[in-house]
Amino acid sequence: MNQATPAASNQGQASSGPLVPCEKNRILIVDDEVRIREVFRLILSDGLPDCKIDVAANGKEALEIFRTAHPSVVVMDLHMSVMDGQAAFMQLQKQCAENNWEMPSIIFCTGFAHPETVRSIVVRNATHCLLSKPVRGETLLNVVKSRLGILQNTNPPGMGIHPS
C-alpha cells in the first residue's frame, strides 16, 4: 500500500490526481479527558501492537495532527473544548475533499445524548460509528479492528450506533 502522506499534496487546492490513502495502521484518539485518552491508548496499543497511535486533546489539535499523519481511524469525543468532535469531523471532511485525501473512519464517542446530526452521519455512512460512554475495552477494540479490516464489521445491521 502506498504510504503517501497528506503533506505531500497541495494544501487548500482540490486535486484531480489519485486519492491519497489513509495510513492503514495509524489511529488518532481525540478526547479532552486525559484519563480517557490514556485508557483508550492502552487498550488499542495492547490489542493492536502493530498500529501507531496518536492522541489529541481537542478537534483543533486533531486537525493539526491530521495534516501530517493520515490515520485510517479516528476515535473522537463529541463534547470537547476548543473544537468539538462534530466541528472537527466537518473540517476533516473539508480537508480531505480539498486535498484529495481518503476520509478516515470516525468513531464518535459520547456520554451524552447522541446529536441527530451525528446519528445521521453514522446512518448514511457505515464507515463511521457512534459509541456510548462508558465504552467497554472489548467493544472499542472490536470496532477499531473492524474499521482497520482486521475483523468483520461489528455494526448492527443498518446502523453504526453501539450502546457500549
N, C-alpha and C. Protein backbone atom coordinates (compact mmCIF):
# COMPACT_ATOMS: atom_id res chain seq x y z
N MET A 1 0.83 -1.18 0.00
CA MET A 1 0.00 0.00 0.00
C MET A 1 0.88 1.24 0.00
N ASN A 2 0.52 2.22 -0.76
CA ASN A 2 1.24 3.48 -0.83
C ASN A 2 1.10 4.21 0.50
N GLN A 3 2.19 4.57 1.12
CA GLN A 3 2.17 5.26 2.40
C GLN A 3 2.37 6.76 2.21
N ALA A 4 1.81 7.31 1.14
CA ALA A 4 1.93 8.75 0.89
C ALA A 4 1.33 9.52 2.04
N THR A 5 1.93 10.64 2.38
CA THR A 5 1.40 11.46 3.46
C THR A 5 0.65 12.64 2.89
N PRO A 6 -0.36 13.13 3.63
CA PRO A 6 -1.13 14.26 3.14
C PRO A 6 -0.28 15.50 2.90
N ALA A 7 0.81 15.65 3.63
CA ALA A 7 1.64 16.83 3.47
C ALA A 7 2.22 16.92 2.07
N ALA A 8 2.28 15.80 1.38
CA ALA A 8 2.86 15.79 0.03
C ALA A 8 1.92 16.37 -1.01
N SER A 9 0.65 16.49 -0.70
CA SER A 9 -0.29 17.03 -1.69
C SER A 9 -0.43 18.53 -1.52
N ASN A 10 -1.09 19.17 -2.48
CA ASN A 10 -1.25 20.61 -2.46
C ASN A 10 -2.26 21.02 -1.40
N GLN A 11 -1.83 21.74 -0.38
CA GLN A 11 -2.71 22.20 0.68
C GLN A 11 -3.70 23.21 0.12
N GLY A 12 -4.99 23.03 0.50
CA GLY A 12 -6.00 24.01 0.15
C GLY A 12 -6.50 23.96 -1.28
N GLN A 13 -5.99 23.09 -2.12
CA GLN A 13 -6.44 23.02 -3.50
C GLN A 13 -6.99 21.64 -3.80
N ALA A 14 -8.12 21.60 -4.49
CA ALA A 14 -8.67 20.32 -4.89
C ALA A 14 -7.74 19.68 -5.91
N SER A 15 -7.56 18.40 -5.81
CA SER A 15 -6.66 17.68 -6.71
C SER A 15 -7.45 16.71 -7.55
N SER A 16 -7.04 16.53 -8.79
CA SER A 16 -7.71 15.56 -9.65
C SER A 16 -6.89 14.29 -9.77
N GLY A 17 -5.75 14.22 -9.09
CA GLY A 17 -4.89 13.03 -9.12
C GLY A 17 -5.50 11.90 -8.31
N PRO A 18 -4.72 10.85 -8.12
CA PRO A 18 -5.22 9.71 -7.36
C PRO A 18 -5.48 10.08 -5.90
N LEU A 19 -6.46 9.42 -5.33
CA LEU A 19 -6.82 9.63 -3.93
C LEU A 19 -5.66 9.21 -3.04
N VAL A 20 -5.25 10.09 -2.12
CA VAL A 20 -4.18 9.77 -1.18
C VAL A 20 -4.80 8.91 -0.08
N PRO A 21 -4.32 7.66 0.07
CA PRO A 21 -4.94 6.76 1.04
C PRO A 21 -4.59 7.09 2.48
N CYS A 22 -5.42 6.59 3.38
CA CYS A 22 -5.12 6.68 4.80
C CYS A 22 -3.93 5.79 5.12
N GLU A 23 -3.25 6.10 6.19
CA GLU A 23 -2.17 5.25 6.67
C GLU A 23 -2.82 4.11 7.45
N LYS A 24 -2.82 2.93 6.85
CA LYS A 24 -3.62 1.80 7.32
C LYS A 24 -3.47 1.47 8.80
N ASN A 25 -2.30 1.46 9.33
CA ASN A 25 -2.10 1.07 10.73
C ASN A 25 -1.86 2.27 11.64
N ARG A 26 -2.61 3.34 11.40
CA ARG A 26 -2.47 4.54 12.23
C ARG A 26 -3.84 4.94 12.77
N ILE A 27 -3.87 5.24 14.07
CA ILE A 27 -5.10 5.59 14.77
C ILE A 27 -4.87 6.90 15.50
N LEU A 28 -5.89 7.75 15.52
CA LEU A 28 -5.84 9.00 16.27
C LEU A 28 -6.95 8.98 17.31
N ILE A 29 -6.59 9.21 18.57
CA ILE A 29 -7.55 9.28 19.67
C ILE A 29 -7.69 10.75 20.04
N VAL A 30 -8.94 11.25 20.05
CA VAL A 30 -9.20 12.65 20.34
C VAL A 30 -10.21 12.74 21.49
N ASP A 31 -9.75 13.23 22.64
CA ASP A 31 -10.63 13.37 23.80
C ASP A 31 -10.01 14.40 24.73
N ASP A 32 -10.84 15.23 25.32
CA ASP A 32 -10.32 16.26 26.23
C ASP A 32 -10.01 15.71 27.62
N GLU A 33 -10.43 14.50 27.91
CA GLU A 33 -10.14 13.87 29.20
C GLU A 33 -8.84 13.06 29.10
N VAL A 34 -7.83 13.47 29.85
CA VAL A 34 -6.52 12.82 29.80
C VAL A 34 -6.65 11.33 30.12
N ARG A 35 -7.42 10.99 31.14
CA ARG A 35 -7.53 9.58 31.55
C ARG A 35 -8.20 8.74 30.47
N ILE A 36 -9.19 9.29 29.80
CA ILE A 36 -9.85 8.54 28.73
C ILE A 36 -8.87 8.32 27.57
N ARG A 37 -8.14 9.37 27.19
CA ARG A 37 -7.13 9.22 26.13
C ARG A 37 -6.14 8.11 26.48
N GLU A 38 -5.68 8.12 27.72
CA GLU A 38 -4.68 7.14 28.13
C GLU A 38 -5.26 5.72 28.16
N VAL A 39 -6.47 5.56 28.68
CA VAL A 39 -7.10 4.23 28.72
C VAL A 39 -7.33 3.72 27.30
N PHE A 40 -7.89 4.56 26.43
CA PHE A 40 -8.11 4.16 25.04
C PHE A 40 -6.79 3.79 24.36
N ARG A 41 -5.74 4.59 24.61
CA ARG A 41 -4.43 4.31 24.01
C ARG A 41 -3.89 2.97 24.49
N LEU A 42 -4.02 2.70 25.78
CA LEU A 42 -3.54 1.43 26.33
C LEU A 42 -4.32 0.25 25.75
N ILE A 43 -5.63 0.36 25.67
CA ILE A 43 -6.46 -0.72 25.11
C ILE A 43 -6.06 -0.99 23.67
N LEU A 44 -5.95 0.06 22.88
CA LEU A 44 -5.66 -0.11 21.46
C LEU A 44 -4.21 -0.54 21.21
N SER A 45 -3.27 0.00 21.97
CA SER A 45 -1.87 -0.40 21.76
C SER A 45 -1.65 -1.85 22.19
N ASP A 46 -2.36 -2.30 23.21
CA ASP A 46 -2.25 -3.69 23.64
C ASP A 46 -2.89 -4.64 22.62
N GLY A 47 -4.07 -4.26 22.12
CA GLY A 47 -4.79 -5.11 21.18
C GLY A 47 -4.32 -5.00 19.74
N LEU A 48 -3.64 -3.91 19.42
CA LEU A 48 -3.17 -3.66 18.05
C LEU A 48 -1.71 -3.19 18.11
N PRO A 49 -0.79 -4.09 18.51
CA PRO A 49 0.61 -3.67 18.73
C PRO A 49 1.32 -3.16 17.48
N ASP A 50 0.81 -3.47 16.29
CA ASP A 50 1.45 -3.01 15.05
C ASP A 50 0.95 -1.65 14.60
N CYS A 51 0.04 -1.04 15.36
CA CYS A 51 -0.51 0.26 14.98
C CYS A 51 0.22 1.41 15.67
N LYS A 52 0.33 2.51 14.97
CA LYS A 52 0.86 3.76 15.51
C LYS A 52 -0.35 4.53 16.04
N ILE A 53 -0.27 4.99 17.29
CA ILE A 53 -1.40 5.69 17.90
C ILE A 53 -0.97 7.09 18.29
N ASP A 54 -1.71 8.08 17.76
CA ASP A 54 -1.50 9.48 18.11
C ASP A 54 -2.66 9.91 19.00
N VAL A 55 -2.45 10.96 19.80
CA VAL A 55 -3.51 11.47 20.66
C VAL A 55 -3.60 12.99 20.53
N ALA A 56 -4.83 13.49 20.71
CA ALA A 56 -5.08 14.93 20.68
C ALA A 56 -6.12 15.25 21.74
N ALA A 57 -6.05 16.45 22.32
CA ALA A 57 -6.94 16.86 23.39
C ALA A 57 -8.21 17.55 22.91
N ASN A 58 -8.28 17.89 21.62
CA ASN A 58 -9.48 18.55 21.09
C ASN A 58 -9.45 18.47 19.56
N GLY A 59 -10.52 18.92 18.95
CA GLY A 59 -10.64 18.85 17.50
C GLY A 59 -9.59 19.65 16.76
N LYS A 60 -9.21 20.80 17.31
CA LYS A 60 -8.19 21.62 16.65
C LYS A 60 -6.86 20.89 16.61
N GLU A 61 -6.45 20.28 17.72
CA GLU A 61 -5.22 19.50 17.73
C GLU A 61 -5.31 18.32 16.77
N ALA A 62 -6.49 17.70 16.71
CA ALA A 62 -6.68 16.56 15.80
C ALA A 62 -6.45 16.99 14.36
N LEU A 63 -6.96 18.14 13.97
CA LEU A 63 -6.77 18.63 12.60
C LEU A 63 -5.30 18.90 12.30
N GLU A 64 -4.57 19.42 13.30
CA GLU A 64 -3.14 19.67 13.11
C GLU A 64 -2.39 18.36 12.91
N ILE A 65 -2.71 17.36 13.70
CA ILE A 65 -2.07 16.05 13.56
C ILE A 65 -2.43 15.44 12.21
N PHE A 66 -3.69 15.59 11.81
CA PHE A 66 -4.16 15.00 10.56
C PHE A 66 -3.45 15.58 9.34
N ARG A 67 -3.00 16.82 9.43
CA ARG A 67 -2.30 17.43 8.29
C ARG A 67 -0.99 16.72 7.96
N THR A 68 -0.36 16.12 8.97
CA THR A 68 0.92 15.45 8.73
C THR A 68 0.83 13.93 8.82
N ALA A 69 -0.13 13.42 9.56
CA ALA A 69 -0.36 11.97 9.68
C ALA A 69 -1.76 11.72 9.15
N HIS A 70 -1.95 10.70 8.44
CA HIS A 70 -3.25 10.44 7.83
C HIS A 70 -3.81 9.12 8.37
N PRO A 71 -4.27 9.14 9.63
CA PRO A 71 -4.74 7.90 10.25
C PRO A 71 -5.97 7.35 9.54
N SER A 72 -6.09 6.04 9.55
CA SER A 72 -7.26 5.42 8.91
C SER A 72 -8.45 5.38 9.85
N VAL A 73 -8.21 5.52 11.17
CA VAL A 73 -9.29 5.52 12.15
C VAL A 73 -9.06 6.67 13.13
N VAL A 74 -10.14 7.41 13.41
CA VAL A 74 -10.11 8.47 14.40
C VAL A 74 -11.19 8.16 15.44
N VAL A 75 -10.77 7.98 16.69
CA VAL A 75 -11.71 7.78 17.80
C VAL A 75 -11.87 9.14 18.43
N MET A 76 -13.08 9.73 18.34
CA MET A 76 -13.25 11.13 18.70
C MET A 76 -14.43 11.39 19.63
N ASP A 77 -14.12 12.04 20.74
CA ASP A 77 -15.15 12.51 21.66
C ASP A 77 -15.98 13.58 20.95
N LEU A 78 -17.23 13.68 21.31
CA LEU A 78 -18.08 14.71 20.70
C LEU A 78 -18.04 16.02 21.47
N HIS A 79 -17.98 15.97 22.79
CA HIS A 79 -18.04 17.18 23.61
C HIS A 79 -16.66 17.51 24.15
N MET A 80 -16.01 18.52 23.51
CA MET A 80 -14.68 18.96 23.91
C MET A 80 -14.61 20.48 23.81
N SER A 81 -13.70 21.06 24.60
CA SER A 81 -13.48 22.50 24.46
C SER A 81 -12.62 22.76 23.23
N VAL A 82 -12.44 23.98 22.88
CA VAL A 82 -11.68 24.47 21.73
C VAL A 82 -12.41 24.12 20.43
N MET A 83 -12.54 22.84 20.09
CA MET A 83 -13.30 22.41 18.92
C MET A 83 -13.89 21.04 19.23
N ASP A 84 -15.23 20.93 19.14
CA ASP A 84 -15.87 19.65 19.45
C ASP A 84 -15.73 18.66 18.30
N GLY A 85 -16.14 17.43 18.56
CA GLY A 85 -15.98 16.35 17.59
C GLY A 85 -16.77 16.55 16.31
N GLN A 86 -17.96 17.12 16.42
CA GLN A 86 -18.77 17.34 15.22
C GLN A 86 -18.13 18.39 14.31
N ALA A 87 -17.66 19.48 14.89
CA ALA A 87 -16.99 20.52 14.09
C ALA A 87 -15.69 19.98 13.49
N ALA A 88 -14.95 19.18 14.26
CA ALA A 88 -13.72 18.59 13.74
C ALA A 88 -14.02 17.64 12.58
N PHE A 89 -15.10 16.86 12.68
CA PHE A 89 -15.50 15.96 11.60
C PHE A 89 -15.75 16.76 10.31
N MET A 90 -16.50 17.85 10.44
CA MET A 90 -16.82 18.67 9.26
C MET A 90 -15.54 19.23 8.64
N GLN A 91 -14.59 19.67 9.47
CA GLN A 91 -13.33 20.20 8.96
C GLN A 91 -12.48 19.10 8.33
N LEU A 92 -12.48 17.90 8.92
CA LEU A 92 -11.75 16.77 8.32
C LEU A 92 -12.32 16.43 6.95
N GLN A 93 -13.65 16.42 6.86
CA GLN A 93 -14.29 16.15 5.57
C GLN A 93 -13.86 17.18 4.53
N LYS A 94 -13.87 18.43 4.92
CA LYS A 94 -13.49 19.52 4.01
C LYS A 94 -12.02 19.38 3.60
N GLN A 95 -11.14 19.13 4.59
CA GLN A 95 -9.71 18.99 4.33
C GLN A 95 -9.45 17.81 3.37
N CYS A 96 -10.14 16.72 3.59
CA CYS A 96 -9.97 15.55 2.71
C CYS A 96 -10.43 15.85 1.29
N ALA A 97 -11.57 16.50 1.15
CA ALA A 97 -12.10 16.83 -0.17
C ALA A 97 -11.17 17.80 -0.91
N GLU A 98 -10.67 18.82 -0.22
CA GLU A 98 -9.81 19.82 -0.85
C GLU A 98 -8.46 19.24 -1.29
N ASN A 99 -7.97 18.23 -0.57
CA ASN A 99 -6.64 17.69 -0.84
C ASN A 99 -6.64 16.32 -1.49
N ASN A 100 -7.83 15.83 -1.82
CA ASN A 100 -7.98 14.51 -2.44
C ASN A 100 -7.42 13.40 -1.56
N TRP A 101 -7.69 13.52 -0.24
CA TRP A 101 -7.27 12.53 0.73
C TRP A 101 -8.45 11.61 1.03
N GLU A 102 -8.17 10.35 1.27
CA GLU A 102 -9.20 9.42 1.72
C GLU A 102 -9.69 9.85 3.10
N MET A 103 -11.01 9.81 3.29
CA MET A 103 -11.60 10.15 4.59
C MET A 103 -11.42 8.96 5.53
N PRO A 104 -10.91 9.21 6.74
CA PRO A 104 -10.76 8.10 7.69
C PRO A 104 -12.11 7.67 8.27
N SER A 105 -12.14 6.52 8.88
CA SER A 105 -13.32 6.09 9.64
C SER A 105 -13.32 6.87 10.95
N ILE A 106 -14.45 7.45 11.28
CA ILE A 106 -14.58 8.20 12.52
C ILE A 106 -15.45 7.40 13.48
N ILE A 107 -14.93 7.16 14.67
CA ILE A 107 -15.69 6.51 15.73
C ILE A 107 -15.98 7.59 16.77
N PHE A 108 -17.21 8.11 16.71
CA PHE A 108 -17.63 9.14 17.66
C PHE A 108 -17.90 8.48 19.01
N CYS A 109 -17.50 9.14 20.09
CA CYS A 109 -17.76 8.64 21.45
C CYS A 109 -18.40 9.77 22.25
N THR A 110 -19.44 9.42 23.00
CA THR A 110 -20.06 10.43 23.85
C THR A 110 -20.76 9.78 25.03
N GLY A 111 -20.78 10.49 26.13
CA GLY A 111 -21.52 10.07 27.31
C GLY A 111 -22.85 10.79 27.39
N PHE A 112 -23.13 11.63 26.39
CA PHE A 112 -24.36 12.42 26.37
C PHE A 112 -25.31 11.85 25.31
N ALA A 113 -26.48 12.45 25.20
CA ALA A 113 -27.42 12.05 24.16
C ALA A 113 -26.75 12.23 22.80
N HIS A 114 -27.02 11.33 21.89
CA HIS A 114 -26.42 11.39 20.56
C HIS A 114 -27.10 12.48 19.74
N PRO A 115 -26.33 13.50 19.29
CA PRO A 115 -26.92 14.55 18.46
C PRO A 115 -27.47 13.96 17.15
N GLU A 116 -28.59 14.46 16.70
CA GLU A 116 -29.23 13.95 15.48
C GLU A 116 -28.31 14.09 14.27
N THR A 117 -27.53 15.16 14.19
CA THR A 117 -26.63 15.32 13.03
C THR A 117 -25.57 14.22 13.00
N VAL A 118 -25.06 13.86 14.16
CA VAL A 118 -24.06 12.78 14.21
C VAL A 118 -24.72 11.44 13.91
N ARG A 119 -25.91 11.23 14.44
CA ARG A 119 -26.64 9.99 14.13
C ARG A 119 -26.83 9.86 12.62
N SER A 120 -27.17 10.96 11.95
CA SER A 120 -27.40 10.89 10.51
C SER A 120 -26.09 10.64 9.74
N ILE A 121 -24.96 11.17 10.22
CA ILE A 121 -23.66 10.90 9.60
C ILE A 121 -23.38 9.40 9.64
N VAL A 122 -23.62 8.80 10.79
CA VAL A 122 -23.34 7.38 11.00
C VAL A 122 -24.29 6.50 10.20
N VAL A 123 -25.56 6.89 10.15
CA VAL A 123 -26.54 6.10 9.40
C VAL A 123 -26.27 6.16 7.90
N ARG A 124 -25.85 7.33 7.40
CA ARG A 124 -25.58 7.49 5.96
C ARG A 124 -24.29 6.80 5.52
N ASN A 125 -23.33 6.63 6.42
CA ASN A 125 -22.03 6.08 6.02
C ASN A 125 -21.56 5.08 7.08
N ALA A 126 -21.62 3.80 6.76
CA ALA A 126 -21.26 2.74 7.71
C ALA A 126 -19.77 2.72 8.05
N THR A 127 -18.97 3.53 7.38
CA THR A 127 -17.55 3.65 7.73
C THR A 127 -17.41 4.25 9.13
N HIS A 128 -18.34 5.11 9.48
CA HIS A 128 -18.32 5.80 10.77
C HIS A 128 -19.24 5.08 11.75
N CYS A 129 -19.03 5.32 13.04
CA CYS A 129 -19.95 4.76 14.03
C CYS A 129 -19.96 5.62 15.28
N LEU A 130 -20.88 5.29 16.16
CA LEU A 130 -21.10 6.05 17.38
C LEU A 130 -21.09 5.09 18.56
N LEU A 131 -20.24 5.36 19.54
CA LEU A 131 -20.17 4.57 20.77
C LEU A 131 -20.63 5.43 21.94
N SER A 132 -21.37 4.81 22.83
CA SER A 132 -21.80 5.49 24.05
C SER A 132 -20.79 5.23 25.16
N LYS A 133 -20.39 6.29 25.86
CA LYS A 133 -19.51 6.15 27.01
C LYS A 133 -20.36 5.79 28.22
N PRO A 134 -19.87 5.00 29.13
CA PRO A 134 -18.55 4.39 29.12
C PRO A 134 -18.46 3.28 28.08
N VAL A 135 -17.31 3.19 27.44
CA VAL A 135 -17.08 2.21 26.38
C VAL A 135 -16.30 1.03 26.97
N ARG A 136 -16.80 -0.16 26.76
CA ARG A 136 -16.07 -1.36 27.17
C ARG A 136 -14.84 -1.50 26.27
N GLY A 137 -13.73 -1.90 26.86
CA GLY A 137 -12.49 -2.06 26.10
C GLY A 137 -12.64 -3.00 24.92
N GLU A 138 -13.33 -4.11 25.13
CA GLU A 138 -13.53 -5.10 24.06
C GLU A 138 -14.34 -4.49 22.91
N THR A 139 -15.34 -3.68 23.25
CA THR A 139 -16.15 -3.03 22.21
C THR A 139 -15.30 -2.07 21.40
N LEU A 140 -14.53 -1.22 22.08
CA LEU A 140 -13.67 -0.27 21.39
C LEU A 140 -12.69 -1.00 20.48
N LEU A 141 -12.04 -2.00 20.99
CA LEU A 141 -11.06 -2.74 20.21
C LEU A 141 -11.70 -3.40 18.99
N ASN A 142 -12.85 -4.03 19.16
CA ASN A 142 -13.52 -4.70 18.04
C ASN A 142 -14.00 -3.72 16.98
N VAL A 143 -14.51 -2.58 17.40
CA VAL A 143 -14.97 -1.58 16.43
C VAL A 143 -13.78 -1.01 15.65
N VAL A 144 -12.67 -0.73 16.32
CA VAL A 144 -11.48 -0.23 15.63
C VAL A 144 -10.94 -1.31 14.69
N LYS A 145 -10.87 -2.54 15.15
CA LYS A 145 -10.39 -3.63 14.29
C LYS A 145 -11.26 -3.78 13.05
N SER A 146 -12.57 -3.62 13.21
CA SER A 146 -13.45 -3.74 12.04
C SER A 146 -13.18 -2.62 11.05
N ARG A 147 -12.86 -1.42 11.54
CA ARG A 147 -12.56 -0.30 10.66
C ARG A 147 -11.21 -0.47 9.97
N LEU A 148 -10.30 -1.20 10.61
CA LEU A 148 -8.99 -1.47 10.02
C LEU A 148 -9.03 -2.68 9.09
N GLY A 149 -10.17 -3.37 9.05
CA GLY A 149 -10.31 -4.54 8.19
C GLY A 149 -9.77 -5.81 8.82
N ILE A 150 -9.50 -5.78 10.13
CA ILE A 150 -8.97 -6.94 10.83
C ILE A 150 -10.10 -7.90 11.22
N LEU A 151 -11.26 -7.36 11.54
CA LEU A 151 -12.45 -8.15 11.89
C LEU A 151 -13.55 -7.83 10.90
N GLN A 152 -14.50 -8.73 10.78
CA GLN A 152 -15.70 -8.40 10.02
C GLN A 152 -16.39 -7.26 10.73
N ASN A 153 -17.13 -6.42 10.00
CA ASN A 153 -17.82 -5.28 10.58
C ASN A 153 -18.70 -5.73 11.74
N THR A 154 -18.56 -5.06 12.88
CA THR A 154 -19.33 -5.43 14.06
C THR A 154 -20.56 -4.55 14.26
N ASN A 155 -20.91 -3.73 13.28
CA ASN A 155 -22.09 -2.89 13.41
C ASN A 155 -23.36 -3.71 13.36
N PRO A 156 -24.38 -3.32 14.15
CA PRO A 156 -25.68 -3.95 13.94
C PRO A 156 -26.17 -3.60 12.56
N PRO A 157 -27.01 -4.44 11.94
CA PRO A 157 -27.49 -4.15 10.60
C PRO A 157 -28.14 -2.78 10.50
N GLY A 158 -27.70 -2.01 9.52
CA GLY A 158 -28.33 -0.73 9.24
C GLY A 158 -27.86 0.45 10.06
N MET A 159 -27.12 0.24 11.15
CA MET A 159 -26.68 1.37 11.95
C MET A 159 -25.31 1.12 12.55
N GLY A 160 -24.56 2.16 12.68
CA GLY A 160 -23.26 2.07 13.33
C GLY A 160 -23.31 2.67 14.71
N ILE A 161 -24.38 2.45 15.43
CA ILE A 161 -24.54 3.01 16.76
C ILE A 161 -24.45 1.88 17.74
N HIS A 162 -23.46 1.93 18.61
CA HIS A 162 -23.22 0.87 19.58
C HIS A 162 -23.53 1.37 20.97
N PRO A 163 -24.34 0.63 21.72
CA PRO A 163 -24.60 1.02 23.10
C PRO A 163 -23.52 0.53 24.03
N SER A 164 -22.34 0.59 23.92
CA SER A 164 -21.24 0.03 24.69
C SER A 164 -21.72 -0.57 25.99
